[in-house]
């Protein structure tokens, strides 16, 4: 069944995009919009920041005595 026939017969269940998603594709799921991307990846950014701090502390204590590490 084609999309047009499905719409005419009432079997099409997809909904139209609303608000920002209707205007710009980058605001949709997995888009490249900086605001939405930051919100979506916030927990990963926090975990990465904590891991970097732990690595720096480890390098201070057990490394070559250098405070910096490769990034």
N, C-alpha and C. Protein backbone atom coordinates (compact mmCIF):
# COMPACT_ATOMS: atom_id res chain seq x y z
N UNK A 1 0.86 -1.17 0.00
CA UNK A 1 0.00 0.00 0.00
C UNK A 1 0.90 1.24 0.00
N UNK A 2 0.63 2.16 -0.91
CA UNK A 2 1.45 3.37 -0.98
C UNK A 2 1.04 4.34 0.13
N UNK A 3 1.88 5.33 0.34
CA UNK A 3 1.63 6.30 1.41
C UNK A 3 0.34 7.06 1.17
N UNK A 4 0.07 7.43 -0.09
CA UNK A 4 -1.15 8.17 -0.40
C UNK A 4 -2.40 7.35 -0.08
N UNK A 5 -2.37 6.07 -0.44
CA UNK A 5 -3.52 5.20 -0.16
C UNK A 5 -3.70 5.02 1.34
N UNK A 6 -2.59 4.91 2.07
CA UNK A 6 -2.68 4.73 3.51
C UNK A 6 -3.27 5.96 4.18
N UNK A 7 -2.91 7.13 3.68
CA UNK A 7 -3.47 8.37 4.24
C UNK A 7 -4.96 8.46 3.93
N UNK A 8 -5.36 8.14 2.72
CA UNK A 8 -6.77 8.21 2.32
C UNK A 8 -7.62 7.22 3.11
N UNK A 9 -7.09 6.04 3.36
CA UNK A 9 -7.88 5.03 4.06
C UNK A 9 -7.81 5.18 5.58
N UNK A 10 -6.99 6.08 6.06
CA UNK A 10 -6.93 6.31 7.51
C UNK A 10 -6.03 5.35 8.25
N UNK A 11 -5.17 4.62 7.55
CA UNK A 11 -4.30 3.66 8.20
C UNK A 11 -2.91 4.24 8.51
N UNK A 12 -2.67 5.46 8.12
CA UNK A 12 -1.38 6.10 8.36
C UNK A 12 -1.36 6.63 9.79
N UNK A 13 -0.39 6.20 10.58
CA UNK A 13 -0.33 6.57 12.00
C UNK A 13 0.75 7.60 12.31
N UNK A 14 1.58 7.94 11.32
CA UNK A 14 2.64 8.91 11.58
C UNK A 14 2.05 10.29 11.80
N UNK A 15 2.66 11.05 12.68
CA UNK A 15 2.20 12.41 12.94
C UNK A 15 3.16 13.40 12.31
N UNK A 16 2.65 14.56 12.01
CA UNK A 16 3.46 15.62 11.43
C UNK A 16 4.41 16.17 12.50
N UNK A 17 5.57 16.67 12.06
CA UNK A 17 6.47 17.33 12.99
C UNK A 17 5.85 18.63 13.46
N UNK A 18 6.07 18.97 14.71
CA UNK A 18 5.51 20.19 15.27
C UNK A 18 6.62 21.10 15.76
N UNK A 19 6.30 22.35 15.94
CA UNK A 19 7.18 23.38 16.50
C UNK A 19 8.52 23.44 15.77
N UNK A 20 9.62 23.42 16.48
CA UNK A 20 10.93 23.59 15.87
C UNK A 20 11.29 22.44 14.93
N UNK A 21 10.82 21.26 15.23
CA UNK A 21 11.15 20.10 14.40
C UNK A 21 10.55 20.22 13.00
N UNK A 22 9.44 20.93 12.86
CA UNK A 22 8.81 21.11 11.57
C UNK A 22 9.60 22.09 10.70
N UNK A 23 10.30 23.01 11.32
CA UNK A 23 11.01 24.05 10.58
C UNK A 23 12.40 23.61 10.16
N UNK A 24 13.15 23.01 11.09
CA UNK A 24 14.55 22.72 10.83
C UNK A 24 14.85 21.26 11.15
N UNK A 25 15.43 20.54 10.19
CA UNK A 25 15.74 19.12 10.39
C UNK A 25 16.82 18.91 11.43
N UNK A 26 17.67 19.92 11.67
CA UNK A 26 18.74 19.75 12.66
C UNK A 26 18.20 19.72 14.08
N UNK A 27 16.96 20.14 14.28
CA UNK A 27 16.35 20.11 15.62
C UNK A 27 15.68 18.77 15.91
N UNK A 28 15.62 17.90 14.92
CA UNK A 28 14.99 16.60 15.13
C UNK A 28 15.92 15.66 15.89
N UNK A 29 15.46 14.44 16.17
CA UNK A 29 16.24 13.47 16.92
C UNK A 29 17.59 13.23 16.25
N UNK A 30 18.63 13.19 17.04
CA UNK A 30 20.00 12.97 16.60
C UNK A 30 20.48 14.07 15.66
N UNK A 31 19.90 15.25 15.77
CA UNK A 31 20.27 16.37 14.92
C UNK A 31 21.57 17.00 15.37
N UNK A 32 21.98 18.01 14.63
CA UNK A 32 23.25 18.65 14.90
C UNK A 32 23.07 20.03 15.53
N UNK A 33 21.89 20.30 16.04
CA UNK A 33 21.61 21.56 16.70
C UNK A 33 22.43 21.63 17.99
N UNK A 34 23.25 22.68 18.18
CA UNK A 34 24.13 22.73 19.36
C UNK A 34 23.38 22.67 20.69
N UNK A 35 22.23 23.33 20.77
CA UNK A 35 21.47 23.35 22.03
C UNK A 35 20.97 21.94 22.38
N UNK A 36 20.35 21.28 21.42
CA UNK A 36 19.82 19.94 21.66
C UNK A 36 20.95 18.93 21.86
N UNK A 37 22.04 19.10 21.13
CA UNK A 37 23.17 18.18 21.25
C UNK A 37 23.77 18.27 22.64
N UNK A 38 23.90 19.48 23.18
CA UNK A 38 24.45 19.64 24.53
C UNK A 38 23.53 18.99 25.56
N UNK A 39 22.23 19.17 25.39
CA UNK A 39 21.27 18.57 26.32
C UNK A 39 21.32 17.05 26.26
N UNK A 40 21.45 16.52 25.04
CA UNK A 40 21.44 15.07 24.85
C UNK A 40 22.71 14.42 25.38
N UNK A 41 23.85 15.12 25.29
CA UNK A 41 25.13 14.53 25.66
C UNK A 41 25.67 15.05 26.99
N UNK A 42 24.83 15.70 27.78
CA UNK A 42 25.28 16.31 29.03
C UNK A 42 25.88 15.29 30.00
N UNK A 43 25.22 14.15 30.18
CA UNK A 43 25.72 13.15 31.13
C UNK A 43 27.05 12.57 30.66
N UNK A 44 27.21 12.38 29.34
CA UNK A 44 28.48 11.88 28.82
C UNK A 44 29.60 12.89 29.03
N UNK A 45 29.28 14.18 28.84
CA UNK A 45 30.28 15.23 29.07
C UNK A 45 30.74 15.25 30.52
N UNK A 46 29.79 15.10 31.45
CA UNK A 46 30.15 15.08 32.87
C UNK A 46 31.05 13.89 33.21
N UNK A 47 30.70 12.71 32.69
CA UNK A 47 31.52 11.53 32.94
C UNK A 47 32.91 11.67 32.37
N UNK A 48 33.02 12.27 31.18
CA UNK A 48 34.32 12.49 30.55
C UNK A 48 35.16 13.47 31.37
N UNK A 49 34.54 14.51 31.89
CA UNK A 49 35.24 15.50 32.70
C UNK A 49 35.75 14.87 34.01
N UNK A 50 34.94 14.06 34.65
CA UNK A 50 35.35 13.38 35.88
C UNK A 50 36.49 12.42 35.61
N UNK A 51 36.42 11.68 34.51
CA UNK A 51 37.49 10.74 34.16
C UNK A 51 38.79 11.47 33.88
N UNK A 52 38.72 12.62 33.22
CA UNK A 52 39.93 13.41 32.95
C UNK A 52 40.57 13.89 34.25
N UNK A 53 39.75 14.34 35.19
CA UNK A 53 40.28 14.79 36.48
C UNK A 53 40.93 13.64 37.24
N UNK A 54 40.30 12.47 37.22
CA UNK A 54 40.88 11.31 37.90
C UNK A 54 42.20 10.91 37.25
N UNK A 55 42.28 10.99 35.94
CA UNK A 55 43.51 10.65 35.24
C UNK A 55 44.63 11.63 35.59
N UNK A 56 44.31 12.90 35.69
CA UNK A 56 45.31 13.90 36.07
C UNK A 56 45.83 13.66 37.48
N UNK A 57 44.90 13.33 38.40
CA UNK A 57 45.32 13.02 39.77
C UNK A 57 46.23 11.79 39.81
N UNK A 58 45.87 10.78 39.03
CA UNK A 58 46.67 9.56 38.97
C UNK A 58 48.07 9.85 38.42
N UNK A 59 48.12 10.67 37.37
CA UNK A 59 49.40 11.01 36.77
C UNK A 59 50.27 11.83 37.72
N UNK A 60 49.64 12.66 38.54
CA UNK A 60 50.39 13.42 39.54
C UNK A 60 51.03 12.47 40.55
N UNK A 61 50.25 11.51 41.02
CA UNK A 61 50.70 10.62 42.09
C UNK A 61 51.64 9.53 41.59
N UNK A 62 51.28 8.86 40.50
CA UNK A 62 52.03 7.68 40.06
C UNK A 62 52.80 7.89 38.77
N UNK A 63 52.55 8.99 38.09
CA UNK A 63 53.20 9.24 36.81
C UNK A 63 54.64 9.69 36.98
N UNK A 64 55.13 10.38 36.02
CA UNK A 64 56.51 10.85 36.03
C UNK A 64 56.68 12.13 36.83
N UNK A 65 55.70 12.47 37.61
CA UNK A 65 55.76 13.70 38.36
C UNK A 65 55.27 14.90 37.58
N UNK A 66 54.77 14.67 36.39
CA UNK A 66 54.27 15.75 35.56
C UNK A 66 52.78 15.94 35.82
N UNK A 67 52.38 17.18 35.81
CA UNK A 67 50.95 17.46 36.04
C UNK A 67 50.12 17.29 34.80
N UNK A 68 50.71 17.47 33.65
CA UNK A 68 49.94 17.38 32.41
C UNK A 68 49.95 15.95 31.89
N UNK A 69 48.92 15.63 31.16
CA UNK A 69 48.86 14.32 30.53
C UNK A 69 48.46 14.52 29.07
N UNK A 70 48.61 13.50 28.28
CA UNK A 70 48.28 13.60 26.86
C UNK A 70 46.78 13.71 26.70
N UNK A 71 46.34 14.66 25.86
CA UNK A 71 44.91 14.82 25.61
C UNK A 71 44.62 14.73 24.15
